[in-house]
């Protein structure tokens, strides 16, 4: 999906920003997996994770999805069908990897 949106004028900047947010979420999740996180020192990371994900979803809904509509209904349906087929075939086991790809 992201590579297709990058084809739309202005899409590369939006997707670059979105991918940076994905990396930020990955870093926060990695910190929460650390042994120190189990000691109760994770409240700040959890708040930051919630803030970051909420912000990212709002941007995807408010900026990226409207921008993606410029691809046209047929292209979006094709992208959705291809992604669903990859998921059913087990090609997308790690959704984090798929989001970055």
PDB file of N, CA and C in Angstrom:
ATOM      1  N   UNK A   1       0.824  -1.195   0.000  1.00  0.00           N
ATOM      2  CA  UNK A   1       0.000   0.000   0.000  1.00  0.00           C
ATOM      3  C   UNK A   1       0.864   1.253   0.000  1.00  0.00           C
ATOM      4  N   UNK A   2       1.833   1.299   0.918  1.00  0.00           N
ATOM      5  CA  UNK A   2       2.680   2.488   0.993  1.00  0.00           C
ATOM      6  C   UNK A   2       3.429   2.742  -0.323  1.00  0.00           C
ATOM      7  N   UNK A   3       4.039   1.708  -0.941  1.00  0.00           N
ATOM      8  CA  UNK A   3       4.728   1.974  -2.213  1.00  0.00           C
ATOM      9  C   UNK A   3       3.791   2.570  -3.273  1.00  0.00           C
ATOM     10  N   UNK A   4       2.554   2.118  -3.309  1.00  0.00           N
ATOM     11  CA  UNK A   4       1.605   2.659  -4.286  1.00  0.00           C
ATOM     12  C   UNK A   4       1.280   4.117  -3.976  1.00  0.00           C
ATOM     13  N   UNK A   5       1.094   4.446  -2.721  1.00  0.00           N
ATOM     14  CA  UNK A   5       0.785   5.829  -2.344  1.00  0.00           C
ATOM     15  C   UNK A   5       1.965   6.740  -2.683  1.00  0.00           C
ATOM     16  N   UNK A   6       3.175   6.202  -2.612  1.00  0.00           N
ATOM     17  CA  UNK A   6       4.350   7.003  -2.945  1.00  0.00           C
ATOM     18  C   UNK A   6       4.356   7.428  -4.410  1.00  0.00           C
ATOM     19  N   UNK A   7       3.627   6.724  -5.262  1.00  0.00           N
ATOM     20  CA  UNK A   7       3.551   7.063  -6.680  1.00  0.00           C
ATOM     21  C   UNK A   7       2.710   8.316  -6.931  1.00  0.00           C
ATOM     22  N   UNK A   8       1.836   8.638  -6.007  1.00  0.00           N
ATOM     23  CA  UNK A   8       0.971   9.810  -6.138  1.00  0.00           C
ATOM     24  C   UNK A   8       1.793  11.047  -5.774  1.00  0.00           C
ATOM     25  N   UNK A   9       1.693  12.124  -6.556  1.00  0.00           N
ATOM     26  CA  UNK A   9       2.439  13.331  -6.206  1.00  0.00           C
ATOM     27  C   UNK A   9       2.211  13.742  -4.749  1.00  0.00           C
ATOM     28  N   UNK A  10       3.296  13.955  -4.039  1.00  0.00           N
ATOM     29  CA  UNK A  10       3.226  14.310  -2.622  1.00  0.00           C
ATOM     30  C   UNK A  10       3.188  13.108  -1.699  1.00  0.00           C
ATOM     31  N   UNK A  11       3.005  11.936  -2.257  1.00  0.00           N
ATOM     32  CA  UNK A  11       2.896  10.732  -1.446  1.00  0.00           C
ATOM     33  C   UNK A  11       4.182  10.317  -0.770  1.00  0.00           C
ATOM     34  N   UNK A  12       5.313  10.573  -1.408  1.00  0.00           N
ATOM     35  CA  UNK A  12       6.598  10.153  -0.838  1.00  0.00           C
ATOM     36  C   UNK A  12       6.846  10.808   0.511  1.00  0.00           C
ATOM     37  N   UNK A  13       6.513  12.076   0.637  1.00  0.00           N
ATOM     38  CA  UNK A  13       6.697  12.760   1.923  1.00  0.00           C
ATOM     39  C   UNK A  13       5.784  12.182   2.999  1.00  0.00           C
ATOM     40  N   UNK A  14       4.530  11.943   2.645  1.00  0.00           N
ATOM     41  CA  UNK A  14       3.586  11.367   3.607  1.00  0.00           C
ATOM     42  C   UNK A  14       4.051   9.989   4.072  1.00  0.00           C
ATOM     43  N   UNK A  15       4.486   9.177   3.135  1.00  0.00           N
ATOM     44  CA  UNK A  15       4.887   7.813   3.471  1.00  0.00           C
ATOM     45  C   UNK A  15       6.218   7.818   4.219  1.00  0.00           C
ATOM     46  N   UNK A  16       7.108   8.698   3.871  1.00  0.00           N
ATOM     47  CA  UNK A  16       8.354   8.810   4.624  1.00  0.00           C
ATOM     48  C   UNK A  16       8.082   9.121   6.087  1.00  0.00           C
ATOM     49  N   UNK A  17       7.176  10.045   6.313  1.00  0.00           N
ATOM     50  CA  UNK A  17       6.796  10.397   7.684  1.00  0.00           C
ATOM     51  C   UNK A  17       6.131   9.208   8.388  1.00  0.00           C
ATOM     52  N   UNK A  18       5.246   8.520   7.684  1.00  0.00           N
ATOM     53  CA  UNK A  18       4.555   7.367   8.268  1.00  0.00           C
ATOM     54  C   UNK A  18       5.548   6.266   8.633  1.00  0.00           C
ATOM     55  N   UNK A  19       6.517   6.020   7.767  1.00  0.00           N
ATOM     56  CA  UNK A  19       7.516   4.985   8.061  1.00  0.00           C
ATOM     57  C   UNK A  19       8.380   5.378   9.251  1.00  0.00           C
ATOM     58  N   UNK A  20       8.667   6.653   9.400  1.00  0.00           N
ATOM     59  CA  UNK A  20       9.398   7.103  10.594  1.00  0.00           C
ATOM     60  C   UNK A  20       8.583   6.816  11.851  1.00  0.00           C
ATOM     61  N   UNK A  21       7.280   7.027  11.769  1.00  0.00           N
ATOM     62  CA  UNK A  21       6.423   6.728  12.915  1.00  0.00           C
ATOM     63  C   UNK A  21       6.390   5.227  13.197  1.00  0.00           C
ATOM     64  N   UNK A  22       6.399   4.404  12.158  1.00  0.00           N
ATOM     65  CA  UNK A  22       6.453   2.947  12.358  1.00  0.00           C
ATOM     66  C   UNK A  22       7.743   2.570  13.087  1.00  0.00           C
ATOM     67  N   UNK A  23       8.855   3.184  12.689  1.00  0.00           N
ATOM     68  CA  UNK A  23      10.129   2.891  13.353  1.00  0.00           C
ATOM     69  C   UNK A  23      10.097   3.330  14.820  1.00  0.00           C
ATOM     70  N   UNK A  24       9.453   4.466  15.078  1.00  0.00           N
ATOM     71  CA  UNK A  24       9.327   4.934  16.458  1.00  0.00           C
ATOM     72  C   UNK A  24       8.517   3.931  17.286  1.00  0.00           C
ATOM     73  N   UNK A  25       7.430   3.420  16.734  1.00  0.00           N
ATOM     74  CA  UNK A  25       6.623   2.407  17.425  1.00  0.00           C
ATOM     75  C   UNK A  25       7.459   1.151  17.665  1.00  0.00           C
ATOM     76  N   UNK A  26       8.229   0.739  16.662  1.00  0.00           N
ATOM     77  CA  UNK A  26       9.096  -0.436  16.817  1.00  0.00           C
ATOM     78  C   UNK A  26      10.081  -0.245  17.968  1.00  0.00           C
ATOM     79  N   UNK A  27      10.694   0.946  18.037  1.00  0.00           N
ATOM     80  CA  UNK A  27      11.650   1.223  19.125  1.00  0.00           C
ATOM     81  C   UNK A  27      10.973   1.162  20.493  1.00  0.00           C
ATOM     82  N   UNK A  28       9.778   1.729  20.579  1.00  0.00           N
ATOM     83  CA  UNK A  28       9.046   1.692  21.847  1.00  0.00           C
ATOM     84  C   UNK A  28       8.692   0.258  22.231  1.00  0.00           C
ATOM     85  N   UNK A  29       8.245  -0.522  21.274  1.00  0.00           N
ATOM     86  CA  UNK A  29       7.926  -1.928  21.561  1.00  0.00           C
ATOM     87  C   UNK A  29       9.170  -2.698  21.987  1.00  0.00           C
ATOM     88  N   UNK A  30      10.289  -2.426  21.334  1.00  0.00           N
ATOM     89  CA  UNK A  30      11.536  -3.087  21.720  1.00  0.00           C
ATOM     90  C   UNK A  30      11.923  -2.735  23.150  1.00  0.00           C
ATOM     91  N   UNK A  31      11.755  -1.462  23.529  1.00  0.00           N
ATOM     92  CA  UNK A  31      12.073  -1.060  24.911  1.00  0.00           C
ATOM     93  C   UNK A  31      11.158  -1.758  25.912  1.00  0.00           C
ATOM     94  N   UNK A  32       9.901  -1.946  25.524  1.00  0.00           N
ATOM     95  CA  UNK A  32       8.963  -2.616  26.427  1.00  0.00           C
ATOM     96  C   UNK A  32       9.266  -4.108  26.562  1.00  0.00           C
ATOM     97  N   UNK A  33       9.993  -4.663  25.624  1.00  0.00           N
ATOM     98  CA  UNK A  33      10.384  -6.077  25.698  1.00  0.00           C
ATOM     99  C   UNK A  33      11.640  -6.292  26.544  1.00  0.00           C
ATOM    100  N   UNK A  34      12.324  -5.229  26.880  1.00  0.00           N
ATOM    101  CA  UNK A  34      13.551  -5.342  27.664  1.00  0.00           C
ATOM    102  C   UNK A  34      13.228  -5.794  29.089  1.00  0.00           C
ATOM    103  N   UNK A  35      14.165  -6.518  29.705  1.00  0.00           N
ATOM    104  CA  UNK A  35      13.926  -7.007  31.074  1.00  0.00           C
ATOM    105  C   UNK A  35      13.592  -5.894  32.066  1.00  0.00           C
ATOM    106  N   UNK A  36      14.176  -4.724  31.918  1.00  0.00           N
ATOM    107  CA  UNK A  36      13.884  -3.628  32.838  1.00  0.00           C
ATOM    108  C   UNK A  36      12.429  -3.190  32.770  1.00  0.00           C
ATOM    109  N   UNK A  37      11.799  -3.386  31.624  1.00  0.00           N
ATOM    110  CA  UNK A  37      10.398  -2.994  31.463  1.00  0.00           C
ATOM    111  C   UNK A  37       9.510  -3.796  32.412  1.00  0.00           C
ATOM    112  N   UNK A  38       9.933  -5.006  32.737  1.00  0.00           N
ATOM    113  CA  UNK A  38       9.147  -5.846  33.637  1.00  0.00           C
ATOM    114  C   UNK A  38       9.194  -5.367  35.072  1.00  0.00           C
ATOM    115  N   UNK A  39      10.115  -4.475  35.375  1.00  0.00           N
ATOM    116  CA  UNK A  39      10.243  -3.968  36.737  1.00  0.00           C
ATOM    117  C   UNK A  39       9.292  -2.813  37.022  1.00  0.00           C
ATOM    118  N   UNK A  40       8.377  -2.571  36.126  1.00  0.00           N
ATOM    119  CA  UNK A  40       7.397  -1.514  36.353  1.00  0.00           C
ATOM    120  C   UNK A  40       7.847  -0.155  35.862  1.00  0.00           C
ATOM    121  N   UNK A  41       8.972  -0.099  35.179  1.00  0.00           N
ATOM    122  CA  UNK A  41       9.491   1.171  34.688  1.00  0.00           C
ATOM    123  C   UNK A  41       9.004   1.449  33.274  1.00  0.00           C
ATOM    124  N   UNK A  42       7.837   0.938  32.934  1.00  0.00           N
ATOM    125  CA  UNK A  42       7.392   1.054  31.550  1.00  0.00           C
ATOM    126  C   UNK A  42       6.198   1.982  31.366  1.00  0.00           C
ATOM    127  N   UNK A  43       5.720   2.621  32.411  1.00  0.00           N
ATOM    128  CA  UNK A  43       4.528   3.467  32.285  1.00  0.00           C
ATOM    129  C   UNK A  43       4.735   4.590  31.279  1.00  0.00           C
ATOM    130  N   UNK A  44       5.896   5.220  31.304  1.00  0.00           N
ATOM    131  CA  UNK A  44       6.162   6.315  30.363  1.00  0.00           C
ATOM    132  C   UNK A  44       6.208   5.801  28.931  1.00  0.00           C
ATOM    133  N   UNK A  45       6.840   4.636  28.721  1.00  0.00           N
ATOM    134  CA  UNK A  45       6.904   4.070  27.378  1.00  0.00           C
ATOM    135  C   UNK A  45       5.511   3.694  26.868  1.00  0.00           C
ATOM    136  N   UNK A  46       4.686   3.159  27.758  1.00  0.00           N
ATOM    137  CA  UNK A  46       3.319   2.810  27.352  1.00  0.00           C
ATOM    138  C   UNK A  46       2.518   4.046  26.971  1.00  0.00           C
ATOM    139  N   UNK A  47       2.670   5.130  27.717  1.00  0.00           N
ATOM    140  CA  UNK A  47       1.976   6.377  27.371  1.00  0.00           C
ATOM    141  C   UNK A  47       2.474   6.903  26.026  1.00  0.00           C
ATOM    142  N   UNK A  48       3.785   6.854  25.821  1.00  0.00           N
ATOM    143  CA  UNK A  48       4.354   7.319  24.558  1.00  0.00           C
ATOM    144  C   UNK A  48       3.896   6.441  23.395  1.00  0.00           C
ATOM    145  N   UNK A  49       3.828   5.139  23.621  1.00  0.00           N
ATOM    146  CA  UNK A  49       3.344   4.225  22.588  1.00  0.00           C
ATOM    147  C   UNK A  49       1.898   4.553  22.230  1.00  0.00           C
ATOM    148  N   UNK A  50       1.072   4.744  23.222  1.00  0.00           N
ATOM    149  CA  UNK A  50      -0.328   5.074  22.976  1.00  0.00           C
ATOM    150  C   UNK A  50      -0.447   6.387  22.210  1.00  0.00           C
ATOM    151  N   UNK A  51       0.308   7.397  22.615  1.00  0.00           N
ATOM    152  CA  UNK A  51       0.268   8.693  21.947  1.00  0.00           C
ATOM    153  C   UNK A  51       0.728   8.565  20.493  1.00  0.00           C
ATOM    154  N   UNK A  52       1.817   7.822  20.282  1.00  0.00           N
ATOM    155  CA  UNK A  52       2.376   7.676  18.946  1.00  0.00           C
ATOM    156  C   UNK A  52       1.432   6.917  18.016  1.00  0.00           C
ATOM    157  N   UNK A  53       0.861   5.828  18.504  1.00  0.00           N
ATOM    158  CA  UNK A  53      -0.060   5.034  17.669  1.00  0.00           C
ATOM    159  C   UNK A  53      -1.330   5.831  17.370  1.00  0.00           C
ATOM    160  N   UNK A  54      -1.862   6.516  18.357  1.00  0.00           N
ATOM    161  CA  UNK A  54      -3.064   7.328  18.153  1.00  0.00           C
ATOM    162  C   UNK A  54      -2.800   8.417  17.110  1.00  0.00           C
ATOM    163  N   UNK A  55      -1.655   9.069  17.231  1.00  0.00           N
ATOM    164  CA  UNK A  55      -1.271  10.106  16.274  1.00  0.00           C
ATOM    165  C   UNK A  55      -1.124   9.522  14.869  1.00  0.00           C
ATOM    166  N   UNK A  56      -0.458   8.379  14.782  1.00  0.00           N
ATOM    167  CA  UNK A  56      -0.220   7.749  13.482  1.00  0.00           C
ATOM    168  C   UNK A  56      -1.535   7.345  12.811  1.00  0.00           C
ATOM    169  N   UNK A  57      -2.421   6.739  13.560  1.00  0.00           N
ATOM    170  CA  UNK A  57      -3.714   6.331  13.002  1.00  0.00           C
ATOM    171  C   UNK A  57      -4.489   7.557  12.520  1.00  0.00           C
ATOM    172  N   UNK A  58      -4.471   8.629  13.304  1.00  0.00           N
ATOM    173  CA  UNK A  58      -5.166   9.853  12.895  1.00  0.00           C
ATOM    174  C   UNK A  58      -4.582  10.399  11.599  1.00  0.00           C
ATOM    175  N   UNK A  59      -3.266  10.356  11.457  1.00  0.00           N
ATOM    176  CA  UNK A  59      -2.644  10.824  10.220  1.00  0.00           C
ATOM    177  C   UNK A  59      -2.980   9.916   9.043  1.00  0.00           C
ATOM    178  N   UNK A  60      -2.982   8.612   9.282  1.00  0.00           N
ATOM    179  CA  UNK A  60      -3.329   7.696   8.185  1.00  0.00           C
ATOM    180  C   UNK A  60      -4.765   7.938   7.730  1.00  0.00           C
ATOM    181  N   UNK A  61      -5.665   8.078   8.685  1.00  0.00           N
ATOM    182  CA  UNK A  61      -7.070   8.287   8.328  1.00  0.00           C
ATOM    183  C   UNK A  61      -7.303   9.667   7.723  1.00  0.00           C
ATOM    184  N   UNK A  62      -6.615  10.670   8.251  1.00  0.00           N
ATOM    185  CA  UNK A  62      -6.876  12.040   7.833  1.00  0.00           C
ATOM    186  C   UNK A  62      -6.064  12.523   6.648  1.00  0.00           C
ATOM    187  N   UNK A  63      -4.885  11.921   6.431  1.00  0.00           N
ATOM    188  CA  UNK A  63      -4.021  12.414   5.364  1.00  0.00           C
ATOM    189  C   UNK A  63      -3.673  11.345   4.327  1.00  0.00           C
ATOM    190  N   UNK A  64      -3.257  10.164   4.787  1.00  0.00           N
ATOM    191  CA  UNK A  64      -2.788   9.155   3.838  1.00  0.00           C
ATOM    192  C   UNK A  64      -3.949   8.524   3.075  1.00  0.00           C
ATOM    193  N   UNK A  65      -5.004   8.144   3.769  1.00  0.00           N
ATOM    194  CA  UNK A  65      -6.134   7.515   3.075  1.00  0.00           C
ATOM    195  C   UNK A  65      -6.767   8.455   2.046  1.00  0.00           C
ATOM    196  N   UNK A  66      -7.023   9.721   2.393  1.00  0.00           N
ATOM    197  CA  UNK A  66      -7.552  10.616   1.363  1.00  0.00           C
ATOM    198  C   UNK A  66      -6.583  10.765   0.182  1.00  0.00           C
ATOM    199  N   UNK A  67      -5.301  10.798   0.478  1.00  0.00           N
ATOM    200  CA  UNK A  67      -4.293  10.900  -0.577  1.00  0.00           C
ATOM    201  C   UNK A  67      -4.306   9.637  -1.444  1.00  0.00           C
ATOM    202  N   UNK A  68      -4.474   8.485  -0.812  1.00  0.00           N
ATOM    203  CA  UNK A  68      -4.491   7.211  -1.537  1.00  0.00           C
ATOM    204  C   UNK A  68      -5.670   7.113  -2.493  1.00  0.00           C
ATOM    205  N   UNK A  69      -6.743   7.807  -2.198  1.00  0.00           N
ATOM    206  CA  UNK A  69      -7.913   7.757  -3.085  1.00  0.00           C
ATOM    207  C   UNK A  69      -7.578   8.237  -4.493  1.00  0.00           C
ATOM    208  N   UNK A  70      -6.505   9.000  -4.607  1.00  0.00           N
ATOM    209  CA  UNK A  70      -6.081   9.468  -5.936  1.00  0.00           C
ATOM    210  C   UNK A  70      -5.611   8.310  -6.815  1.00  0.00           C
ATOM    211  N   UNK A  71      -5.329   7.174  -6.203  1.00  0.00           N
ATOM    212  CA  UNK A  71      -4.947   5.994  -6.981  1.00  0.00           C
ATOM    213  C   UNK A  71      -6.123   5.434  -7.767  1.00  0.00           C
ATOM    214  N   UNK A  72      -7.328   5.724  -7.310  1.00  0.00           N
ATOM    215  CA  UNK A  72      -8.525   5.233  -7.984  1.00  0.00           C
ATOM    216  C   UNK A  72      -9.041   3.959  -7.344  1.00  0.00           C
ATOM    217  N   UNK A  73     -10.325   3.771  -7.473  1.00  0.00           N
ATOM    218  CA  UNK A  73     -11.001   2.637  -6.849  1.00  0.00           C
ATOM    219  C   UNK A  73     -10.453   1.304  -7.338  1.00  0.00           C
ATOM    220  N   UNK A  74     -10.242   1.172  -8.642  1.00  0.00           N
ATOM    221  CA  UNK A  74      -9.765  -0.108  -9.188  1.00  0.00           C
ATOM    222  C   UNK A  74      -8.400  -0.464  -8.626  1.00  0.00           C
ATOM    223  N   UNK A  75      -7.502   0.488  -8.568  1.00  0.00           N
ATOM    224  CA  UNK A  75      -6.150   0.219  -8.052  1.00  0.00           C
ATOM    225  C   UNK A  75      -6.202  -0.132  -6.576  1.00  0.00           C
ATOM    226  N   UNK A  76      -6.999   0.583  -5.810  1.00  0.00           N
ATOM    227  CA  UNK A  76      -7.109   0.295  -4.376  1.00  0.00           C
ATOM    228  C   UNK A  76      -7.703  -1.086  -4.135  1.00  0.00           C
ATOM    229  N   UNK A  77      -8.690  -1.464  -4.921  1.00  0.00           N
ATOM    230  CA  UNK A  77      -9.275  -2.808  -4.789  1.00  0.00           C
ATOM    231  C   UNK A  77      -8.248  -3.877  -5.133  1.00  0.00           C
ATOM    232  N   UNK A  78      -7.455  -3.621  -6.163  1.00  0.00           N
ATOM    233  CA  UNK A  78      -6.405  -4.557  -6.546  1.00  0.00           C
ATOM    234  C   UNK A  78      -5.370  -4.699  -5.429  1.00  0.00           C
ATOM    235  N   UNK A  79      -4.953  -3.581  -4.860  1.00  0.00           N
ATOM    236  CA  UNK A  79      -3.991  -3.629  -3.753  1.00  0.00           C
ATOM    237  C   UNK A  79      -4.555  -4.413  -2.570  1.00  0.00           C
ATOM    238  N   UNK A  80      -5.820  -4.167  -2.245  1.00  0.00           N
ATOM    239  CA  UNK A  80      -6.451  -4.871  -1.124  1.00  0.00           C
ATOM    240  C   UNK A  80      -6.516  -6.371  -1.399  1.00  0.00           C
ATOM    241  N   UNK A  81      -6.900  -6.739  -2.602  1.00  0.00           N
ATOM    242  CA  UNK A  81      -7.004  -8.163  -2.951  1.00  0.00           C
ATOM    243  C   UNK A  81      -5.637  -8.834  -2.893  1.00  0.00           C
ATOM    244  N   UNK A  82      -4.604  -8.150  -3.376  1.00  0.00           N
ATOM    245  CA  UNK A  82      -3.260  -8.729  -3.350  1.00  0.00           C
ATOM    246  C   UNK A  82      -2.752  -8.889  -1.920  1.00  0.00           C
ATOM    247  N   UNK A  83      -3.022  -7.911  -1.067  1.00  0.00           N
ATOM    248  CA  UNK A  83      -2.579  -8.015   0.325  1.00  0.00           C
ATOM    249  C   UNK A  83      -3.337  -9.133   1.050  1.00  0.00           C
ATOM    250  N   UNK A  84      -4.627  -9.239   0.820  1.00  0.00           N
ATOM    251  CA  UNK A  84      -5.417 -10.308   1.431  1.00  0.00           C
ATOM    252  C   UNK A  84      -4.911 -11.673   0.981  1.00  0.00           C
ATOM    253  N   UNK A  85      -4.561 -11.795  -0.285  1.00  0.00           N
ATOM    254  CA  UNK A  85      -4.035 -13.065  -0.800  1.00  0.00           C
ATOM    255  C   UNK A  85      -2.699 -13.398  -0.146  1.00  0.00           C
ATOM    256  N   UNK A  86      -1.845 -12.402   0.047  1.00  0.00           N
ATOM    257  CA  UNK A  86      -0.552 -12.627   0.715  1.00  0.00           C
ATOM    258  C   UNK A  86      -0.758 -13.067   2.161  1.00  0.00           C
ATOM    259  N   UNK A  87      -1.722 -12.476   2.827  1.00  0.00           N
ATOM    260  CA  UNK A  87      -2.001 -12.851   4.223  1.00  0.00           C
ATOM    261  C   UNK A  87      -2.520 -14.284   4.272  1.00  0.00           C
ATOM    262  N   UNK A  88      -3.480 -14.623   3.403  1.00  0.00           N
ATOM    263  CA  UNK A  88      -4.025 -15.989   3.375  1.00  0.00           C
ATOM    264  C   UNK A  88      -2.947 -17.013   3.041  1.00  0.00           C
ATOM    265  N   UNK A  89      -2.005 -16.649   2.189  1.00  0.00           N
ATOM    266  CA  UNK A  89      -0.946 -17.577   1.785  1.00  0.00           C
ATOM    267  C   UNK A  89       0.159 -17.685   2.832  1.00  0.00           C
ATOM    268  N   UNK A  90       0.046 -16.907   3.886  1.00  0.00           N
ATOM    269  CA  UNK A  90       1.058 -16.954   4.937  1.00  0.00           C
ATOM    270  C   UNK A  90       2.322 -16.194   4.600  1.00  0.00           C
ATOM    271  N   UNK A  91       2.274 -15.369   3.573  1.00  0.00           N
ATOM    272  CA  UNK A  91       3.452 -14.600   3.178  1.00  0.00           C
ATOM    273  C   UNK A  91       3.707 -13.412   4.086  1.00  0.00           C
ATOM    274  N   UNK A  92       2.705 -13.013   4.830  1.00  0.00           N
ATOM    275  CA  UNK A  92       2.825 -11.842   5.695  1.00  0.00           C
ATOM    276  C   UNK A  92       2.614 -12.293   7.136  1.00  0.00           C
ATOM    277  N   UNK A  93       3.612 -12.974   7.655  1.00  0.00           N
ATOM    278  CA  UNK A  93       3.522 -13.449   9.033  1.00  0.00           C
ATOM    279  C   UNK A  93       3.824 -12.318  10.006  1.00  0.00           C
ATOM    280  N   UNK A  94       4.734 -11.436   9.624  1.00  0.00           N
ATOM    281  CA  UNK A  94       5.116 -10.321  10.480  1.00  0.00           C
ATOM    282  C   UNK A  94       4.569  -9.047   9.867  1.00  0.00           C
ATOM    283  N   UNK A  95       3.486  -8.528  10.420  1.00  0.00           N
ATOM    284  CA  UNK A  95       2.871  -7.339   9.867  1.00  0.00           C
ATOM    285  C   UNK A  95       3.772  -6.127   9.987  1.00  0.00           C
ATOM    286  N   UNK A  96       4.675  -6.122  10.983  1.00  0.00           N
ATOM    287  CA  UNK A  96       5.626  -5.013  11.081  1.00  0.00           C
ATOM    288  C   UNK A  96       6.532  -5.003   9.865  1.00  0.00           C
ATOM    289  N   UNK A  97       6.989  -6.170   9.437  1.00  0.00           N
ATOM    290  CA  UNK A  97       7.854  -6.249   8.251  1.00  0.00           C
ATOM    291  C   UNK A  97       7.087  -5.814   7.008  1.00  0.00           C
ATOM    292  N   UNK A  98       5.834  -6.200   6.922  1.00  0.00           N
ATOM    293  CA  UNK A  98       5.025  -5.824   5.757  1.00  0.00           C
ATOM    294  C   UNK A  98       4.823  -4.323   5.701  1.00  0.00           C
ATOM    295  N   UNK A  99       4.657  -3.694   6.849  1.00  0.00           N
ATOM    296  CA  UNK A  99       4.433  -2.259   6.895  1.00  0.00           C
ATOM    297  C   UNK A  99       5.647  -1.480   6.414  1.00  0.00           C
ATOM    298  N   UNK A 100       6.813  -2.045   6.598  1.00  0.00           N
ATOM    299  CA  UNK A 100       8.035  -1.356   6.194  1.00  0.00           C
ATOM    300  C   UNK A 100       8.407  -1.665   4.758  1.00  0.00           C
ATOM    301  N   UNK A 101       7.827  -2.713   4.200  1.00  0.00           N
ATOM    302  CA  UNK A 101       8.206  -3.159   2.869  1.00  0.00           C
ATOM    303  C   UNK A 101       7.532  -2.479   1.763  1.00  0.00           C
TER     304      UNK A 101
END
